[in-house]
C-alpha atoms as a PDB file:
ATOM      1  CA  MET A   1      69.325  84.698  90.702  1.00  0.00           C
ATOM      2  CA  THR A   2      71.942  83.017  88.508  1.00  0.00           C
ATOM      3  CA  ILE A   3      72.410  84.261  85.320  1.00  0.00           C
ATOM      4  CA  LEU A   4      70.945  87.942  84.085  1.00  0.00           C
ATOM      5  CA  ASP A   5      69.795  88.794  80.721  1.00  0.00           C
ATOM      6  CA  GLU A   6      70.601  91.565  79.093  1.00  0.00           C
ATOM      7  CA  ARG A   7      67.430  93.591  79.876  1.00  0.00           C
ATOM      8  CA  ASP A   8      67.730  92.629  83.602  1.00  0.00           C
ATOM      9  CA  VAL A   9      71.618  94.052  83.361  1.00  0.00           C
ATOM     10  CA  THR A  10      69.874  96.864  82.060  1.00  0.00           C
ATOM     11  CA  THR A  11      67.622  97.531  84.899  1.00  0.00           C
ATOM     12  CA  LEU A  12      70.508  96.791  87.470  1.00  0.00           C
ATOM     13  CA  TYR A  13      72.584  99.449  85.579  1.00  0.00           C
ATOM     14  CA  THR A  14      69.564 102.033  85.747  1.00  0.00           C
ATOM     15  CA  GLU A  15      69.091 101.258  89.422  1.00  0.00           C
ATOM     16  CA  GLN A  16      72.629 101.009  90.662  1.00  0.00           C
ATOM     17  CA  ALA A  17      74.902 103.058  88.703  1.00  0.00           C
ATOM     18  CA  GLU A  18      74.988 106.153  90.224  1.00  0.00           C
ATOM     19  CA  ARG A  19      75.284 104.631  93.409  1.00  0.00           C
ATOM     20  CA  ILE A  20      78.502 102.300  92.333  1.00  0.00           C
ATOM     21  CA  ARG A  21      79.988 105.671  91.350  1.00  0.00           C
ATOM     22  CA  ARG A  22      79.674 107.176  94.650  1.00  0.00           C
ATOM     23  CA  ILE A  23      81.114 104.055  96.302  1.00  0.00           C
ATOM     24  CA  ILE A  24      83.767 104.520  93.855  1.00  0.00           C
ATOM     25  CA  ALA A  25      84.270 108.441  94.227  1.00  0.00           C
ATOM     26  CA  ALA A  26      83.763 108.133  98.415  1.00  0.00           C
ATOM     27  CA  GLN A  27      87.182 106.069  98.516  1.00  0.00           C
ATOM     28  CA  LEU A  28      89.103 108.157  95.914  1.00  0.00           C
ATOM     29  CA  LYS A  29      91.714 111.044  97.011  1.00  0.00           C
ATOM     30  CA  PRO A  30      90.319 114.381  95.636  1.00  0.00           C
ATOM     31  CA  ALA A  31      92.982 114.744  93.335  1.00  0.00           C
ATOM     32  CA  ASP A  32      91.584 111.481  91.645  1.00  0.00           C
ATOM     33  CA  LYS A  33      87.940 112.110  91.374  1.00  0.00           C
ATOM     34  CA  HIS A  34      88.303 112.262  87.896  1.00  0.00           C
ATOM     35  CA  VAL A  35      89.030 108.223  87.527  1.00  0.00           C
ATOM     36  CA  ALA A  36      85.311 107.335  89.229  1.00  0.00           C
ATOM     37  CA  ASP A  37      83.721 106.997  85.761  1.00  0.00           C
ATOM     38  CA  ASP A  38      86.689 104.722  84.622  1.00  0.00           C
ATOM     39  CA  LEU A  39      86.807 103.043  87.650  1.00  0.00           C
ATOM     40  CA  ALA A  40      82.878 102.444  87.424  1.00  0.00           C
ATOM     41  CA  GLN A  41      82.826 101.389  84.233  1.00  0.00           C
ATOM     42  CA  GLU A  42      85.697  98.655  84.913  1.00  0.00           C
ATOM     43  CA  VAL A  43      83.590  97.445  87.729  1.00  0.00           C
ATOM     44  CA  TRP A  44      80.638  96.831  85.085  1.00  0.00           C
ATOM     45  CA  LEU A  45      82.617  94.957  82.636  1.00  0.00           C
ATOM     46  CA  GLY A  46      83.652  92.816  85.508  1.00  0.00           C
ATOM     47  CA  PHE A  47      79.894  92.176  86.419  1.00  0.00           C
ATOM     48  CA  TRP A  48      79.227  91.404  82.704  1.00  0.00           C
ATOM     49  CA  ARG A  49      82.277  88.708  82.774  1.00  0.00           C
ATOM     50  CA  THR A  50      81.170  87.253  85.887  1.00  0.00           C
ATOM     51  CA  GLN A  51      78.019  87.046  84.411  1.00  0.00           C
ATOM     52  CA  LEU A  52      79.424  85.135  81.234  1.00  0.00           C
ATOM     53  CA  ARG A  53      80.891  82.507  83.179  1.00  0.00           C
ATOM     54  CA  GLY A  54      77.746  81.821  84.468  1.00  0.00           C
ATOM     55  CA  THR A  55      78.731  82.417  88.313  1.00  0.00           C
ATOM     56  CA  ASP A  56      75.737  82.098  90.871  1.00  0.00           C
ATOM     57  CA  VAL A  57      74.798  85.767  91.817  1.00  0.00           C
ATOM     58  CA  THR A  58      72.443  86.165  94.673  1.00  0.00           C
ATOM     59  CA  CYS A  59      72.885  89.669  95.456  1.00  0.00           C
ATOM     60  CA  PRO A  60      73.989  91.696  92.471  1.00  0.00           C
ATOM     61  CA  ALA A  61      74.056  94.982  93.974  1.00  0.00           C
ATOM     62  CA  ALA A  62      76.018  93.875  97.179  1.00  0.00           C
ATOM     63  CA  LEU A  63      78.374  92.239  94.172  1.00  0.00           C
ATOM     64  CA  LEU A  64      78.805  95.486  92.654  1.00  0.00           C
ATOM     65  CA  ALA A  65      79.596  97.047  95.837  1.00  0.00           C
ATOM     66  CA  THR A  66      81.987  94.788  96.584  1.00  0.00           C
ATOM     67  CA  MET A  67      83.703  95.277  92.937  1.00  0.00           C
ATOM     68  CA  ALA A  68      83.877  98.829  93.071  1.00  0.00           C
ATOM     69  CA  ARG A  69      85.742  98.819  96.936  1.00  0.00           C
ATOM     70  CA  ARG A  70      88.294  96.510  95.763  1.00  0.00           C
ATOM     71  CA  ARG A  71      88.616  98.477  92.195  1.00  0.00           C
ATOM     72  CA  VAL A  72      89.600 101.622  93.873  1.00  0.00           C
ATOM     73  CA  VAL A  73      92.347  99.463  96.141  1.00  0.00           C
ATOM     74  CA  ASP A  74      93.520  98.143  93.155  1.00  0.00           C
ATOM     75  CA  HIS A  75      93.557 101.308  91.287  1.00  0.00           C
ATOM     76  CA  TYR A  76      95.845 102.936  94.251  1.00  0.00           C
ATOM     77  CA  ARG A  77      98.243  99.480  94.366  1.00  0.00           C
ATOM     78  CA  LEU A  78      98.761  99.807  91.008  1.00  0.00           C
ATOM     79  CA  ALA A  79      99.654 103.534  91.478  1.00  0.00           C
ATOM     80  CA  ARG A  80     101.841 102.727  93.679  1.00  0.00           C
ATOM     81  CA  VAL A  81     103.620 100.263  91.974  1.00  0.00           C
ATOM     82  CA  ARG A  82     103.931 102.517  88.647  1.00  0.00           C
ATOM     83  CA  ARG A  83     105.178 105.136  90.852  1.00  0.00           C
ATOM     84  CA  GLU A  84     107.994 102.764  92.241  1.00  0.00           C
ATOM     85  CA  VAL A  85     109.154 102.145  88.945  1.00  0.00           C
ATOM     86  CA  CYS A  86     109.204 105.021  87.714  1.00  0.00           C
ATOM     87  CA  CYS A  87     110.952 106.586  90.478  1.00  0.00           C
ATOM     88  CA  GLU A  88     113.716 103.873  89.930  1.00  0.00           C
ATOM     89  CA  ASP A  89     113.776 104.315  86.467  1.00  0.00           C
ATOM     90  CA  MET A  90     114.509 107.832  87.462  1.00  0.00           C
ATOM     91  CA  GLY A  91     117.607 106.762  89.646  1.00  0.00           C
ATOM     92  CA  VAL A  92     119.297 105.187  86.894  1.00  0.00           C
ATOM     93  CA  TYR A  93     118.727 107.704  84.394  1.00  0.00           C
ATOM     94  CA  ALA A  94     120.418 110.468  87.118  1.00  0.00           C
ATOM     95  CA  GLU A  95     123.111 108.022  87.849  1.00  0.00           C
ATOM     96  CA  GLY A  96     124.023 108.039  83.822  1.00  0.00           C
ATOM     97  CA  ALA A  97     123.952 111.659  84.075  1.00  0.00           C
ATOM     98  CA  ALA A  98     126.198 112.339  86.503  1.00  0.00           C
ATOM     99  CA  ARG A  99     128.955 110.235  84.595  1.00  0.00           C
END
């Protein structure tokens, strides 16, 4: 299966959307469950971009599952970077306030 037409993607979404959301939700920490829908939406957007590039996809369900798992990893990686930057900024502000 190379490029899916719009009807094929709609069918795939109908069949796989809840599964993709469950894969994402299962990997999230309980405090982060609220972002599952946002991450799932990003997975579907990434899948659509893959289709627009003309990438050969032999098993769309497997690709979607892989993209979902990777998106959760990216979510936590980015959260860690944001937290580190925020903490560094707070240290600068604390030093300035102490003067």
